[in-house]
Amino acid sequence: MGIYDRDYYRREGPSFLGSIAERGKVCKWLIVINAVVFVLQLITLNRDPLGTSEGEVTRMLWLDPDLVLHGQVWRLLTHAFLHDYNSWAHILVNMVVLWWFGSEVEEIYGSKEFLALYLVAAVVAGVVQMLSVLPMPGHHVGLGASGAISAVAVIFACHYPYRQVLLFFIIPMPMWLMVALFVGQDLLTFLLKIPTNIGVGAHLGGALFGFLYYKLHWRVLNLWPDFKSWRKRRVRPQLRLYREDEPPAPAPVAVTAPANTDLDEHLEAKLDAVLEKMSQVGKENLTDSERQILLTASEIYRKKRT
């Protein structure tokens, strides 16, 4: 198959509305889940004559350091799907920012890797927030997706530092500057111990994870073992039986492989994926391993031409 026969080199493609529908699938699901949980928070609110207190869903999922230390570790993740039911702006701003930046980050890394990095960022943000409030007097709880979204925003800023954005939907500035302003504000609040009801620890933890993820070329899915290949090795027969009266096997005859097998099917499939990603996000956004695939394939094509 020639390179210009590949799908991403053809002029025809999905319509504008079709491309929007296909974009950011994981982001859409995350937004839906956050919205559903927020509705459940409102439904289960405990209302009394003196005011409104948190409901059962909120108490069951929010980040309570004391309960986490007693074994309820799921709260390190579930807090990222809760929002302040006293202010609709909390969930609206978070979900808008998640869509703006997350949908493009998802296109760069793929849906599975984006979901993995988002969930890990939420846990890291929860851990840092818990560690930051443990030395403080009193009982502190936390909720909100801001920590995970901070990681996504930092990764987006690393890829597109000079993309123009609107601060508070009004003031235009490059993306790197806006992220630096918010991270700097959280860092000053944390270092100066300024009283606040904002989880600056979660913000800083998520931002740090996003920065390290980009700079160190982390890939969350690469940390998981390949269970499929392990299972294939397990099902292979461990012993082979031979009979003494079997006739000797014929001597193997060397067969010269045709020239077009230099580029094997596995490398061809990897090259397809790399070229498709490069057509979407540019060569500068390829990882080191993807660049190596391009280099290997180009060497094989050059040898074939000579």
Protein backbone atom coordinates (compact mmCIF):
# COMPACT_ATOMS: atom_id res chain seq x y z
CA MET A 1 0.00 0.00 0.00
CA GLY A 2 1.47 3.33 -1.03
CA ILE A 3 1.77 6.14 1.47
CA TYR A 4 -0.71 8.28 -0.43
CA ASP A 5 -3.26 5.47 -0.29
CA ARG A 6 -3.53 5.80 3.49
CA ASP A 7 -6.77 7.23 4.84
CA TYR A 8 -5.24 10.30 6.42
CA TYR A 9 -3.73 11.43 3.10
CA ARG A 10 -7.06 11.44 1.31
CA ARG A 11 -8.85 14.73 0.90
CA GLU A 12 -12.25 13.41 1.81
CA GLY A 13 -13.03 13.07 5.52
CA PRO A 14 -15.73 13.52 8.11
CA SER A 15 -17.85 16.63 8.08
CA PHE A 16 -17.28 19.47 10.53
CA LEU A 17 -20.13 18.31 12.76
CA GLY A 18 -18.93 14.73 12.44
CA SER A 19 -15.44 15.67 13.61
CA ILE A 20 -16.91 17.44 16.65
CA ALA A 21 -19.00 14.39 17.48
CA GLU A 22 -15.92 12.15 17.33
CA ARG A 23 -13.72 14.53 19.33
CA GLY A 24 -13.06 14.18 23.05
CA LYS A 25 -15.10 11.06 23.79
CA VAL A 26 -13.54 10.54 27.23
CA CYS A 27 -13.97 14.23 28.08
CA LYS A 28 -17.66 13.98 27.24
CA TRP A 29 -18.09 10.95 29.47
CA LEU A 30 -16.24 12.64 32.32
CA ILE A 31 -18.48 15.69 32.00
CA VAL A 32 -21.59 13.50 32.01
CA ILE A 33 -20.43 11.58 35.08
CA ASN A 34 -19.64 14.81 36.95
CA ALA A 35 -23.06 16.20 36.05
CA VAL A 36 -24.88 13.04 37.19
CA VAL A 37 -22.99 12.96 40.50
CA PHE A 38 -23.76 16.66 41.02
CA VAL A 39 -27.48 15.97 40.54
CA LEU A 40 -27.23 13.13 43.06
CA GLN A 41 -25.56 15.52 45.50
CA LEU A 42 -28.48 17.92 45.16
CA ILE A 43 -31.10 15.19 45.49
CA THR A 44 -29.59 13.80 48.69
CA LEU A 45 -29.08 17.15 50.44
CA ASN A 46 -30.20 17.25 54.04
CA ARG A 47 -32.31 20.37 54.49
CA ASP A 48 -33.10 21.69 57.95
CA PRO A 49 -34.54 24.95 59.32
CA LEU A 50 -31.06 26.31 60.10
CA GLY A 51 -29.71 25.77 56.59
CA THR A 52 -28.61 23.10 54.13
CA SER A 53 -26.01 20.48 55.04
CA GLU A 54 -24.19 18.00 52.85
CA GLY A 55 -26.02 14.88 51.74
CA GLU A 56 -25.16 11.19 51.89
CA VAL A 57 -23.54 11.08 48.42
CA THR A 58 -21.23 13.97 49.28
CA ARG A 59 -20.24 12.51 52.65
CA MET A 60 -19.62 9.11 51.09
CA LEU A 61 -17.28 10.37 48.35
CA TRP A 62 -15.53 13.54 49.52
CA LEU A 63 -11.90 13.64 50.59
CA ASP A 64 -11.82 13.16 54.36
CA PRO A 65 -8.20 12.65 55.50
CA ASP A 66 -9.22 10.95 58.75
CA LEU A 67 -11.33 8.37 56.91
CA VAL A 68 -8.64 7.82 54.27
CA LEU A 69 -6.14 7.02 57.02
CA HIS A 70 -8.67 4.49 58.35
CA GLY A 71 -8.73 2.62 55.05
CA GLN A 72 -11.26 4.45 52.86
CA VAL A 73 -8.68 5.10 50.16
CA TRP A 74 -11.23 5.41 47.35
CA ARG A 75 -11.87 8.96 48.54
CA LEU A 76 -8.52 9.96 47.00
CA LEU A 77 -10.21 9.50 43.60
CA THR A 78 -13.94 9.99 44.17
CA HIS A 79 -13.54 13.52 45.52
CA ALA A 80 -12.69 14.59 41.95
CA PHE A 81 -16.26 13.83 40.82
CA LEU A 82 -17.91 16.04 43.45
CA HIS A 83 -18.53 19.78 43.36
CA ASP A 84 -19.72 22.51 45.70
CA TYR A 85 -23.53 22.36 45.63
CA ASN A 86 -23.71 25.93 46.97
CA SER A 87 -22.19 27.37 43.79
CA TRP A 88 -23.06 26.26 40.27
CA ALA A 89 -20.03 28.18 39.01
CA HIS A 90 -17.75 25.54 40.56
CA ILE A 91 -18.90 22.71 38.30
CA LEU A 92 -19.61 24.90 35.26
CA VAL A 93 -16.12 26.44 35.15
CA ASN A 94 -14.44 23.09 35.78
CA MET A 95 -16.35 21.32 33.03
CA VAL A 96 -15.83 24.12 30.50
CA VAL A 97 -12.07 24.13 31.16
CA LEU A 98 -12.00 20.33 31.01
CA TRP A 99 -13.60 20.41 27.56
CA TRP A 100 -11.48 23.25 26.18
CA PHE A 101 -8.13 21.78 27.14
CA GLY A 102 -8.94 18.12 27.75
CA SER A 103 -10.42 17.43 24.33
CA GLU A 104 -7.17 18.50 22.62
CA VAL A 105 -4.95 16.67 25.12
CA GLU A 106 -7.08 13.56 24.49
CA GLU A 107 -6.42 13.87 20.74
CA ILE A 108 -2.67 13.97 21.39
CA TYR A 109 -2.40 10.98 23.71
CA GLY A 110 -5.44 8.93 22.76
CA SER A 111 -8.59 8.22 24.75
CA LYS A 112 -7.27 5.38 26.92
CA GLU A 113 -4.09 7.16 27.94
CA PHE A 114 -5.97 10.41 28.58
CA LEU A 115 -8.44 8.66 30.88
CA ALA A 116 -5.56 7.00 32.73
CA LEU A 117 -3.60 10.21 33.22
CA TYR A 118 -6.75 12.09 34.34
CA LEU A 119 -7.58 9.50 37.00
CA VAL A 120 -3.98 9.28 38.23
CA ALA A 121 -3.79 13.09 38.36
CA ALA A 122 -6.96 13.10 40.49
CA VAL A 123 -5.40 10.63 42.94
CA VAL A 124 -2.12 12.57 43.10
CA ALA A 125 -4.05 15.78 43.72
CA GLY A 126 -6.00 14.06 46.50
CA VAL A 127 -2.83 12.77 48.16
CA VAL A 128 -1.13 16.18 48.11
CA GLN A 129 -4.28 17.89 49.39
CA MET A 130 -4.57 15.39 52.25
CA LEU A 131 -0.91 15.81 53.22
CA SER A 132 -1.24 19.59 53.13
CA VAL A 133 -4.18 19.72 55.56
CA LEU A 134 -3.14 16.98 58.00
CA PRO A 135 -0.87 19.30 60.05
CA MET A 136 -3.61 21.94 60.26
CA PRO A 137 -5.91 22.11 63.28
CA GLY A 138 -9.54 21.18 62.76
CA HIS A 139 -11.33 18.85 60.39
CA HIS A 140 -10.76 19.59 56.69
CA VAL A 141 -12.55 17.89 53.80
CA GLY A 142 -12.19 18.49 50.08
CA LEU A 143 -14.03 17.98 46.81
CA GLY A 144 -13.75 19.06 43.19
CA ALA A 145 -12.13 18.14 39.87
CA SER A 146 -9.78 21.13 39.89
CA GLY A 147 -6.69 19.07 40.75
CA ALA A 148 -7.05 16.72 37.78
CA ILE A 149 -8.03 19.61 35.50
CA SER A 150 -4.92 21.51 36.62
CA ALA A 151 -2.82 18.62 35.33
CA VAL A 152 -4.65 18.69 31.99
CA ALA A 153 -4.22 22.47 31.71
CA VAL A 154 -0.47 22.26 32.41
CA ILE A 155 -0.01 19.50 29.81
CA PHE A 156 -1.95 21.60 27.29
CA ALA A 157 0.23 24.65 28.09
CA CYS A 158 3.39 22.58 27.56
CA HIS A 159 2.18 21.53 24.11
CA TYR A 160 0.74 24.91 23.09
CA PRO A 161 2.48 27.57 25.25
CA TYR A 162 1.65 30.46 22.90
CA ARG A 163 -1.98 29.57 22.20
CA GLN A 164 -4.05 32.68 22.90
CA VAL A 165 -6.71 32.25 25.60
CA LEU A 166 -9.02 34.62 27.46
CA LEU A 167 -8.39 35.11 31.17
CA PHE A 168 -11.79 35.35 32.89
CA PHE A 169 -13.23 35.13 29.33
CA ILE A 170 -12.07 38.73 28.74
CA ILE A 171 -8.29 39.33 28.86
CA PRO A 172 -6.26 37.73 26.00
CA MET A 173 -2.92 36.18 26.94
CA PRO A 174 -0.72 33.20 25.98
CA MET A 175 -1.58 29.90 27.60
CA TRP A 176 1.73 29.61 29.48
CA LEU A 177 1.16 32.94 31.21
CA MET A 178 -2.36 32.09 32.34
CA VAL A 179 -1.22 28.77 33.81
CA ALA A 180 1.74 30.46 35.47
CA LEU A 181 -0.56 33.04 37.09
CA PHE A 182 -2.90 30.46 38.57
CA VAL A 183 -0.11 28.14 39.74
CA GLY A 184 1.80 31.10 41.20
CA GLN A 185 -1.28 32.28 43.08
CA ASP A 186 -1.83 28.82 44.56
CA LEU A 187 1.85 28.51 45.48
CA LEU A 188 1.87 31.86 47.30
CA THR A 189 -1.31 30.95 49.16
CA PHE A 190 0.23 27.64 50.19
CA LEU A 191 3.64 29.02 51.24
CA LEU A 192 2.24 32.03 53.11
CA LYS A 193 -0.49 29.87 54.72
CA ILE A 194 -3.19 32.31 53.67
CA PRO A 195 -6.63 31.15 54.92
CA THR A 196 -8.75 29.93 52.02
CA ASN A 197 -11.51 27.47 51.25
CA ILE A 198 -9.79 26.51 47.96
CA GLY A 199 -7.85 23.24 47.81
CA VAL A 200 -4.53 24.77 46.74
CA GLY A 201 -2.76 21.54 47.65
CA ALA A 202 -4.84 19.64 45.11
CA HIS A 203 -4.21 22.32 42.47
CA LEU A 204 -0.44 22.23 43.02
CA GLY A 205 -0.34 18.43 43.13
CA GLY A 206 -2.21 18.14 39.85
CA ALA A 207 -0.11 20.85 38.20
CA LEU A 208 3.14 19.17 39.29
CA PHE A 209 1.97 15.80 37.99
CA GLY A 210 1.03 17.34 34.63
CA PHE A 211 4.42 19.05 34.29
CA LEU A 212 6.37 15.89 35.13
CA TYR A 213 4.13 13.82 32.86
CA TYR A 214 5.09 16.03 29.91
CA LYS A 215 8.76 16.60 30.72
CA LEU A 216 9.60 13.00 31.66
CA HIS A 217 7.46 11.49 28.86
CA TRP A 218 5.46 9.40 31.29
CA ARG A 219 2.81 7.09 29.92
CA VAL A 220 0.43 5.69 32.52
CA LEU A 221 -0.63 2.71 30.42
CA ASN A 222 3.01 1.63 30.03
CA LEU A 223 3.11 1.00 33.78
CA TRP A 224 0.49 -1.75 33.53
CA PRO A 225 1.67 -5.28 32.64
CA ASP A 226 0.61 -6.72 29.32
CA PHE A 227 -1.87 -9.34 30.57
CA LYS A 228 -2.80 -10.43 27.05
CA SER A 229 0.74 -11.47 26.14
CA TRP A 230 1.14 -13.13 29.56
CA ARG A 231 -2.01 -15.16 28.97
CA LYS A 232 -0.80 -16.24 25.53
CA ARG A 233 2.44 -17.49 27.04
CA ARG A 234 0.48 -19.40 29.67
CA VAL A 235 -1.69 -21.25 27.17
CA ARG A 236 1.24 -22.43 25.09
CA PRO A 237 2.17 -26.10 25.69
CA GLN A 238 5.04 -26.41 28.12
CA LEU A 239 6.18 -29.89 26.96
CA ARG A 240 6.55 -31.51 23.57
CA LEU A 241 6.49 -35.31 23.21
CA TYR A 242 8.52 -37.18 20.61
CA ARG A 243 8.29 -40.77 19.48
CA GLU A 244 11.48 -42.73 18.88
CA ASP A 245 10.24 -44.26 15.62
CA GLU A 246 9.45 -40.89 14.04
CA PRO A 247 11.28 -40.39 10.75
CA PRO A 248 13.92 -37.69 10.82
CA ALA A 249 12.64 -34.28 9.91
CA PRO A 250 13.75 -32.99 6.52
CA ALA A 251 16.57 -30.51 6.56
CA PRO A 252 15.34 -26.94 6.41
CA VAL A 253 15.81 -25.19 3.13
CA ALA A 254 16.70 -21.54 3.24
CA VAL A 255 14.23 -19.38 1.39
CA THR A 256 15.09 -15.88 0.42
CA ALA A 257 12.38 -13.52 1.55
CA PRO A 258 11.01 -11.15 -1.04
CA ALA A 259 12.19 -7.57 -0.86
CA ASN A 260 8.85 -6.22 0.30
CA THR A 261 9.05 -8.17 3.58
CA ASP A 262 11.79 -5.88 4.87
CA LEU A 263 9.07 -3.75 6.38
CA ASP A 264 7.16 -6.36 8.44
CA GLU A 265 3.51 -6.11 9.28
CA HIS A 266 4.12 -4.99 12.86
CA LEU A 267 6.32 -2.09 11.81
CA GLU A 268 3.85 -1.21 9.06
CA ALA A 269 1.02 -1.00 11.59
CA LYS A 270 3.11 1.11 13.95
CA LEU A 271 4.11 3.40 11.08
CA ASP A 272 0.44 3.87 10.15
CA ALA A 273 -0.37 4.99 13.71
CA VAL A 274 2.62 7.33 13.91
CA LEU A 275 1.91 8.97 10.55
CA GLU A 276 -1.73 9.42 11.47
CA LYS A 277 -0.78 11.09 14.76
CA MET A 278 1.77 13.27 12.98
CA SER A 279 -0.86 14.45 10.51
CA GLN A 280 -3.09 15.49 13.42
CA VAL A 281 -0.70 17.08 15.93
CA GLY A 282 2.56 17.61 14.03
CA LYS A 283 5.93 15.93 14.15
CA GLU A 284 7.12 17.99 17.12
CA ASN A 285 4.56 16.25 19.37
CA LEU A 286 5.81 12.72 18.64
CA THR A 287 7.47 10.75 21.42
CA ASP A 288 11.03 9.44 21.18
CA SER A 289 9.84 5.92 20.41
CA GLU A 290 7.54 7.20 17.65
CA ARG A 291 10.39 9.17 16.11
CA GLN A 292 12.49 5.99 16.18
CA ILE A 293 9.76 4.16 14.26
CA LEU A 294 9.84 6.86 11.57
CA LEU A 295 13.63 6.63 11.38
CA THR A 296 13.62 2.84 11.11
CA ALA A 297 10.96 2.84 8.41
CA SER A 298 12.75 5.53 6.39
CA GLU A 299 15.98 3.51 6.49
CA ILE A 300 14.18 0.43 5.17
CA TYR A 301 12.51 2.40 2.36
CA ARG A 302 15.86 3.96 1.43
CA LYS A 303 17.55 0.55 1.19
CA LYS A 304 14.74 -0.74 -1.00
CA ARG A 305 15.15 2.16 -3.43
CA THR A 306 18.89 1.55 -3.70
